[in-house]
Protein backbone atom coordinates (compact mmCIF):
# COMPACT_ATOMS: atom_id res chain seq x y z
CA MET A 1 17.49 -29.01 -4.76
CA LYS A 2 20.54 -27.53 -1.87
CA THR A 3 19.44 -23.82 -0.81
CA ILE A 4 22.01 -21.31 0.36
CA THR A 5 21.01 -17.44 1.80
CA ILE A 6 22.99 -15.06 0.03
CA GLY A 7 25.61 -14.38 2.14
CA ALA A 8 26.09 -17.87 1.00
CA ALA A 9 25.66 -17.29 -2.16
CA VAL A 10 27.97 -14.64 -3.10
CA LEU A 11 30.84 -16.65 -1.52
CA ALA A 12 30.27 -19.43 -3.90
CA LEU A 13 29.50 -17.12 -6.65
CA CYS A 14 33.07 -16.05 -5.67
CA ALA A 15 34.48 -18.70 -5.99
CA SER A 16 33.43 -20.80 -9.07
CA GLY A 17 32.97 -18.14 -11.42
CA ALA A 18 30.18 -20.21 -13.11
CA GLN A 19 26.43 -20.60 -12.71
CA ALA A 20 23.85 -19.54 -10.49
CA GLN A 21 23.76 -19.91 -7.49
CA ASN A 22 20.03 -21.19 -5.50
CA VAL A 23 18.90 -18.25 -3.63
CA THR A 24 15.81 -18.62 -1.25
CA LEU A 25 14.27 -15.39 -0.72
CA ARG A 26 12.74 -14.44 3.18
CA LEU A 27 9.24 -12.82 2.09
CA ALA A 28 7.70 -10.58 4.57
CA HIS A 29 4.50 -9.05 4.93
CA TRP A 30 1.63 -8.53 7.44
CA LEU A 31 -1.12 -9.23 5.24
CA PRO A 32 -3.16 -12.31 6.66
CA PRO A 33 -2.11 -15.77 4.37
CA GLN A 34 -5.71 -15.38 2.79
CA HIS A 35 -5.63 -11.82 1.27
CA ALA A 36 -5.96 -10.74 -2.57
CA VAL A 37 -2.39 -9.53 -2.60
CA PRO A 38 -0.57 -12.51 -1.47
CA GLN A 39 -2.84 -14.71 -3.10
CA THR A 40 -3.28 -13.18 -6.24
CA GLY A 41 -0.36 -10.64 -7.48
CA MET A 42 2.43 -11.82 -5.08
CA GLN A 43 2.79 -15.54 -6.05
CA GLU A 44 1.63 -14.86 -9.67
CA TRP A 45 5.25 -12.28 -9.23
CA MET A 46 6.78 -14.82 -7.06
CA ASP A 47 6.55 -17.64 -9.65
CA SER A 48 7.42 -15.22 -12.98
CA ILE A 49 10.85 -14.56 -11.35
CA THR A 50 11.12 -18.10 -10.25
CA ALA A 51 10.21 -19.54 -14.06
CA ASP A 52 12.72 -16.23 -15.61
CA SER A 53 15.29 -17.30 -13.38
CA GLY A 54 15.83 -20.70 -14.19
CA GLY A 55 14.75 -21.71 -10.39
CA THR A 56 17.66 -20.47 -9.02
CA ILE A 57 15.68 -18.10 -7.83
CA THR A 58 12.55 -19.11 -4.99
CA PHE A 59 10.51 -17.23 -1.94
CA GLU A 60 10.33 -18.46 2.48
CA VAL A 61 6.82 -16.39 2.44
CA PHE A 62 6.36 -15.00 6.32
CA PRO A 63 3.15 -13.84 5.95
CA ALA A 64 0.06 -11.92 9.12
CA GLN A 65 3.50 -9.77 10.35
CA GLN A 66 5.70 -13.15 11.77
CA LEU A 67 8.91 -11.68 11.06
CA GLY A 68 7.70 -8.51 13.04
CA ALA A 69 5.13 -6.34 13.64
CA ALA A 70 3.21 -4.39 10.26
CA PRO A 71 5.01 -0.80 11.10
CA ASP A 72 8.28 -2.33 11.53
CA HIS A 73 8.40 -3.60 7.67
CA TYR A 74 10.52 -1.34 6.67
CA ASP A 75 13.46 -1.81 9.39
CA MET A 76 13.10 -5.45 8.99
CA THR A 77 13.87 -4.95 4.71
CA ARG A 78 17.01 -2.52 5.84
CA ASP A 79 17.83 -5.10 8.38
CA GLY A 80 17.92 -7.99 7.03
CA ILE A 81 15.50 -9.67 8.94
CA ALA A 82 13.11 -9.85 5.69
CA ASP A 83 15.44 -9.89 1.88
CA ILE A 84 11.67 -9.10 0.89
CA GLY A 85 8.92 -6.05 2.64
CA TYR A 86 5.07 -5.60 1.85
CA VAL A 87 5.35 -2.15 3.50
CA ASN A 88 2.72 0.26 3.53
CA PRO A 89 4.38 3.89 3.86
CA GLY A 90 2.23 5.34 6.05
CA TYR A 91 2.43 3.19 8.72
CA THR A 92 5.05 5.69 9.98
CA ALA A 93 3.94 9.59 9.82
CA GLY A 94 6.43 11.81 8.99
CA ARG A 95 8.73 9.47 7.61
CA PHE A 96 8.30 9.49 4.54
CA PRO A 97 6.69 12.89 3.22
CA ILE A 98 6.66 13.21 -0.29
CA TYR A 99 5.22 9.54 -0.64
CA GLU A 100 2.46 10.39 1.64
CA LEU A 101 1.49 12.86 -1.12
CA THR A 102 0.25 9.50 -2.39
CA GLY A 103 -2.78 9.26 1.12
CA VAL A 104 -3.72 12.82 0.09
CA PRO A 105 -7.57 12.69 -0.94
CA PHE A 106 -9.21 12.69 -4.20
CA LEU A 107 -6.41 11.91 -6.65
CA ALA A 108 -6.89 9.40 -7.84
CA THR A 109 -9.85 7.02 -9.75
CA ASP A 110 -8.55 3.22 -9.40
CA GLY A 111 -5.84 1.19 -7.81
CA PRO A 112 -3.80 -0.86 -10.77
CA ASN A 113 -4.32 1.89 -13.20
CA ALA A 114 -2.62 4.39 -10.20
CA ALA A 115 -0.03 1.66 -9.19
CA LYS A 116 1.90 2.56 -12.88
CA ALA A 117 1.41 6.06 -12.76
CA ILE A 118 2.63 6.27 -9.27
CA HIS A 119 5.67 3.82 -9.79
CA GLU A 120 6.59 6.28 -12.92
CA TRP A 121 6.33 9.59 -10.40
CA TYR A 122 8.41 7.76 -7.88
CA ALA A 123 11.41 5.62 -8.89
CA GLY A 124 14.55 7.71 -9.28
CA ASP A 125 14.73 10.41 -7.37
CA TYR A 126 12.40 10.06 -4.69
CA ALA A 127 13.36 6.81 -4.25
CA ALA A 128 17.09 7.58 -3.79
CA LYS A 129 15.94 9.98 -1.65
CA GLU A 130 13.02 8.80 0.78
CA MET A 131 14.30 4.42 0.23
CA GLY A 132 18.03 4.55 -0.52
CA ASP A 133 18.81 2.04 2.08
CA VAL A 134 16.48 -0.06 0.66
CA HIS A 135 16.47 -1.36 -3.49
CA PHE A 136 13.00 -0.05 -4.52
CA CYS A 137 10.61 -2.81 -6.66
CA LEU A 138 7.16 -1.87 -7.11
CA VAL A 139 4.13 0.23 -5.49
CA ASN A 140 0.85 -1.64 -4.84
CA PRO A 141 -2.85 0.27 -4.07
CA HIS A 142 -5.20 -0.66 -2.75
CA GLU A 143 -9.09 0.67 -5.24
CA PRO A 144 -9.72 3.77 -3.63
CA GLY A 145 -11.11 3.88 0.21
CA ARG A 146 -13.92 4.65 1.67
CA PHE A 147 -15.79 6.19 5.32
CA HIS A 148 -17.10 2.63 7.05
CA GLY A 149 -19.40 3.35 10.54
CA LYS A 150 -21.61 2.28 12.73
CA THR A 151 -23.61 5.24 11.92
CA GLU A 152 -24.06 6.50 8.61
CA ILE A 153 -21.43 9.27 7.68
CA LYS A 154 -22.73 11.05 4.23
CA VAL A 155 -20.61 14.23 4.66
CA PRO A 156 -17.91 15.60 6.80
CA ALA A 157 -19.53 16.89 9.54
CA ASP A 158 -20.19 13.68 10.19
CA VAL A 159 -17.03 13.07 11.10
CA LYS A 160 -16.55 14.93 13.80
CA GLY A 161 -16.98 13.06 17.09
CA LEU A 162 -15.44 9.87 16.00
CA ASN A 163 -13.00 8.01 16.70
CA VAL A 164 -11.76 6.54 13.13
CA ARG A 165 -9.06 3.87 12.69
CA PRO A 166 -7.73 5.54 9.80
CA ALA A 167 -5.79 4.24 6.26
CA HIS A 168 -3.28 6.28 7.67
CA SER A 169 -0.62 9.17 8.40
CA THR A 170 -2.07 11.23 5.52
CA MET A 171 -6.04 9.59 6.59
CA ALA A 172 -5.17 10.62 10.24
CA ARG A 173 -4.46 14.06 9.57
CA PHE A 174 -7.61 13.98 7.28
CA VAL A 175 -9.58 12.58 9.99
CA ALA A 176 -7.95 15.29 12.85
CA SER A 177 -9.13 17.97 9.90
CA LEU A 178 -13.02 16.94 10.25
CA GLY A 179 -12.97 17.11 14.28
CA GLY A 180 -12.63 13.19 14.70
CA ALA A 181 -9.78 11.34 16.67
CA SER A 182 -7.74 8.79 15.11
CA VAL A 183 -7.25 5.17 16.16
CA GLN A 184 -4.08 4.04 15.30
CA VAL A 185 -4.35 0.37 14.84
CA PRO A 186 -2.47 -1.94 11.14
CA ALA A 187 -5.19 -3.21 9.54
CA PRO A 188 -5.01 -6.83 10.99
CA GLU A 189 -6.13 -5.08 14.38
CA ALA A 190 -9.18 -3.49 13.09
CA ARG A 191 -12.19 -5.32 13.54
CA GLU A 192 -10.84 -5.01 17.24
CA ALA A 193 -10.78 -2.46 17.42
CA LEU A 194 -14.50 -1.57 16.91
CA ALA A 195 -15.90 -4.56 18.43
CA ARG A 196 -14.51 -2.67 21.85
CA GLY A 197 -15.94 0.28 20.81
CA THR A 198 -12.50 2.10 20.87
CA ALA A 199 -13.84 2.68 17.01
CA ASP A 200 -16.67 4.18 15.44
CA ALA A 201 -15.46 3.81 11.67
CA VAL A 202 -12.61 3.08 9.60
CA THR A 203 -11.02 4.25 6.39
CA PHE A 204 -10.84 0.98 4.21
CA PRO A 205 -10.80 0.05 0.70
CA TYR A 206 -14.24 -2.51 0.55
CA GLU A 207 -12.38 -6.21 0.54
CA ALA A 208 -10.95 -5.38 4.01
CA MET A 209 -14.57 -5.50 4.90
CA LYS A 210 -14.85 -9.34 4.47
CA ILE A 211 -10.91 -10.55 4.71
CA PHE A 212 -10.61 -9.23 7.67
CA ASN A 213 -14.64 -9.86 9.02
CA VAL A 214 -14.74 -4.97 9.32
CA ALA A 215 -18.18 -6.12 7.69
CA GLU A 216 -19.32 -7.38 10.68
CA GLU A 217 -19.25 -4.89 12.65
CA THR A 218 -19.52 -1.89 10.00
CA LYS A 219 -23.22 -1.74 9.06
CA PHE A 220 -23.30 1.49 7.00
CA HIS A 221 -21.00 2.50 4.07
CA ASN A 222 -20.08 6.29 2.43
CA ASP A 223 -19.32 4.44 -2.01
CA MET A 224 -17.54 7.75 -2.54
CA PRO A 225 -13.83 6.79 -4.17
CA LEU A 226 -11.83 8.72 -1.39
CA TYR A 227 -8.27 8.15 -1.26
CA LEU A 228 -5.76 5.15 -1.67
CA SER A 229 -3.94 3.37 0.53
CA SER A 230 0.30 2.65 -1.79
CA GLN A 231 1.86 -0.22 0.19
CA VAL A 232 5.26 -0.82 -1.72
CA LEU A 233 7.94 -3.83 -2.04
CA LEU A 234 11.05 -3.45 -1.18
CA PHE A 235 14.59 -5.26 -1.31
CA ASN A 236 17.21 -5.87 1.20
CA ASN A 237 20.53 -3.54 -0.52
CA ASP A 238 22.82 -6.63 0.16
CA SER A 239 19.63 -9.16 -0.54
CA TYR A 240 19.71 -7.36 -4.17
CA GLY A 241 23.47 -6.85 -4.47
CA GLY A 242 24.49 -10.57 -3.60
CA LEU A 243 22.67 -12.06 -6.41
CA SER A 244 24.21 -12.35 -9.77
CA ASP A 245 24.09 -10.56 -12.83
CA ALA A 246 21.61 -12.74 -14.53
CA GLN A 247 19.23 -12.74 -11.18
CA LYS A 248 19.62 -8.91 -10.86
CA ALA A 249 17.91 -9.00 -14.01
CA VAL A 250 15.39 -11.11 -13.46
CA ILE A 251 13.50 -8.76 -10.62
CA ASP A 252 14.28 -6.10 -12.31
CA ASP A 253 11.98 -7.35 -15.36
CA HIS A 254 9.91 -7.69 -12.47
CA CYS A 255 10.56 -3.97 -10.74
CA THR A 256 8.64 -1.81 -12.87
CA PRO A 257 5.33 0.58 -13.58
CA GLU A 258 4.10 -2.46 -15.79
CA TRP A 259 4.40 -5.24 -12.83
CA SER A 260 2.97 -2.58 -10.13
CA LYS A 261 0.09 -2.20 -11.84
CA LYS A 262 -0.27 -6.42 -12.95
CA PHE A 263 0.40 -7.12 -9.28
CA SER A 264 -2.19 -5.02 -8.00
CA GLU A 265 -5.35 -5.96 -10.49
CA GLY A 266 -5.97 -8.74 -8.68
CA TRP A 267 -6.56 -6.83 -5.36
CA ALA A 268 -8.29 -4.49 -7.45
CA ASP A 269 -10.73 -7.27 -8.67
CA TYR A 270 -11.13 -9.08 -6.10
CA ASP A 271 -12.28 -5.50 -4.03
CA LYS A 272 -15.02 -4.92 -7.30
CA GLY A 273 -16.34 -8.25 -5.67
CA VAL A 274 -16.72 -7.58 -2.39
CA ARG A 275 -18.77 -4.23 -3.00
CA GLU A 276 -21.16 -5.45 -4.61
CA GLU A 277 -21.61 -8.14 -2.34
CA ILE A 278 -22.10 -5.13 0.10
CA MET A 279 -24.08 -3.15 -1.91
CA ASN A 280 -26.79 -6.00 -2.74
CA ASN A 281 -26.42 -7.72 1.42
CA PRO A 282 -30.12 -5.84 2.97
CA GLU A 283 -28.65 -5.86 5.98
CA HIS A 284 -25.96 -2.92 4.76
CA THR A 285 -27.01 0.91 3.47
CA VAL A 286 -24.78 1.64 1.10
CA TYR A 287 -24.93 5.75 0.82
CA THR A 288 -24.09 7.61 -2.45
CA PRO A 289 -23.53 11.52 -2.02
CA SER A 290 -25.07 13.61 -4.35
CA ASP A 291 -22.64 15.63 -6.23
CA GLU A 292 -22.85 18.24 -3.68
CA GLU A 293 -21.97 16.65 -1.28
CA VAL A 294 -19.02 15.57 -3.45
CA ALA A 295 -17.87 19.04 -3.20
CA LEU A 296 -18.17 19.40 0.57
CA TRP A 297 -15.70 16.44 0.82
CA ARG A 298 -13.28 17.98 -1.21
CA GLU A 299 -13.55 21.08 -0.01
CA ALA A 300 -12.82 19.69 3.23
CA ALA A 301 -9.66 17.91 2.12
CA MET A 302 -7.90 20.78 1.16
CA PRO A 303 -6.17 21.55 4.49
CA THR A 304 -4.22 17.33 4.28
CA LEU A 305 -3.03 18.67 1.11
CA GLU A 306 -1.86 21.91 2.33
CA ALA A 307 -0.60 20.34 5.65
CA TRP A 308 1.21 18.02 3.35
CA LYS A 309 2.79 20.77 1.07
CA ALA A 310 4.33 22.14 4.60
CA ASP A 311 5.50 19.10 5.54
CA VAL A 312 7.85 18.83 2.24
CA SER A 313 8.39 22.24 2.79
CA ALA A 314 9.60 21.69 6.38
CA ALA A 315 12.21 18.68 4.47
CA GLY A 316 13.54 20.94 2.25
CA GLY A 317 11.32 19.60 -0.72
CA ASP A 318 9.30 22.13 -4.12
CA PRO A 319 5.39 20.19 -2.75
CA GLU A 320 4.22 21.71 -6.56
CA ALA A 321 6.59 20.52 -8.25
CA ILE A 322 6.25 17.29 -6.68
CA LEU A 323 2.34 17.54 -6.40
CA GLU A 324 2.06 18.35 -10.15
CA GLY A 325 4.77 15.23 -11.36
CA LEU A 326 1.85 13.32 -10.17
CA ARG A 327 -0.99 14.47 -11.38
CA ALA A 328 0.90 14.36 -14.54
CA ALA A 329 1.62 10.73 -14.29
CA LEU A 330 -2.28 9.79 -12.57
CA ASP A 331 -3.58 12.23 -15.30
CA ALA A 332 -0.75 9.89 -18.28
CA ASN A 333 -2.49 6.54 -17.17
CA GLY A 334 -6.07 8.05 -17.30
CA VAL A 335 -6.63 7.94 -13.40
CA LEU A 336 -6.66 11.40 -12.69
CA TYR A 337 -10.00 12.35 -10.25
CA LYS A 338 -10.92 15.53 -12.41
């Protein structure tokens, strides 16, 4: 079966006026190939598109930052280096102030249902405002992340003086508010930072302890669900626009809130399995904060939320309405942190 690029497909369609041509879409991500996302939700999504398009849409995947560094994946997608990019908006601080709300602590209690809620809330007006130079498709958060360190972190005061690799810009702000310093490296480089002594702790979901070998360096874990890191899957506008109407319909059917949930389920299942492994491993100490300690953490997170509100206001947005919209969507999907 011959494959052609998007541009060639458009020319061929114009010339023939006939059926859709075969298209191979380049999908770039920064995760290792063995990670749960490419192994489960991403593969299932691609297979479903290929089947529903009658085999006219296939994929070539570039994992592990092969086409560019993790923070560059948005621009890579916008500029056509990739047809589809798996993007962590939190790797580019201040660029997507509305979306950065998804990383504020104590909003959501699980990943897949939060994916559906965030998609419902953000797609449309917000996505068009902040990500209008790409075609928005899916949301993919992990299970709520925690603190993992070389020493115990039980209460907010324990973060003071630590060097912490934060999940994204919002968690970096949270760490700073607690008196810690941020070590800004993408997830695949976190273990090296810990091994070198550059970082004392990380904020990660449990699955990252295993897939990035971080559990070899961090033996203490705070088991309080804290925050999300919500990746997005985006299309280059020309790549999407060059598809036939029938092919666009297939893609549209796979860029829905329901698919955001489905895309995220395998990652969540893997995370829960790793959590059980760590909890049952005598080499690791897993600490469950008391209700009083959780209240301290929630109080400590308030300045981060207020700082987000200030950023959105400065960008011309209505932070109270935006926050209420996300909370309503999370509540409707049964995952609002209460």
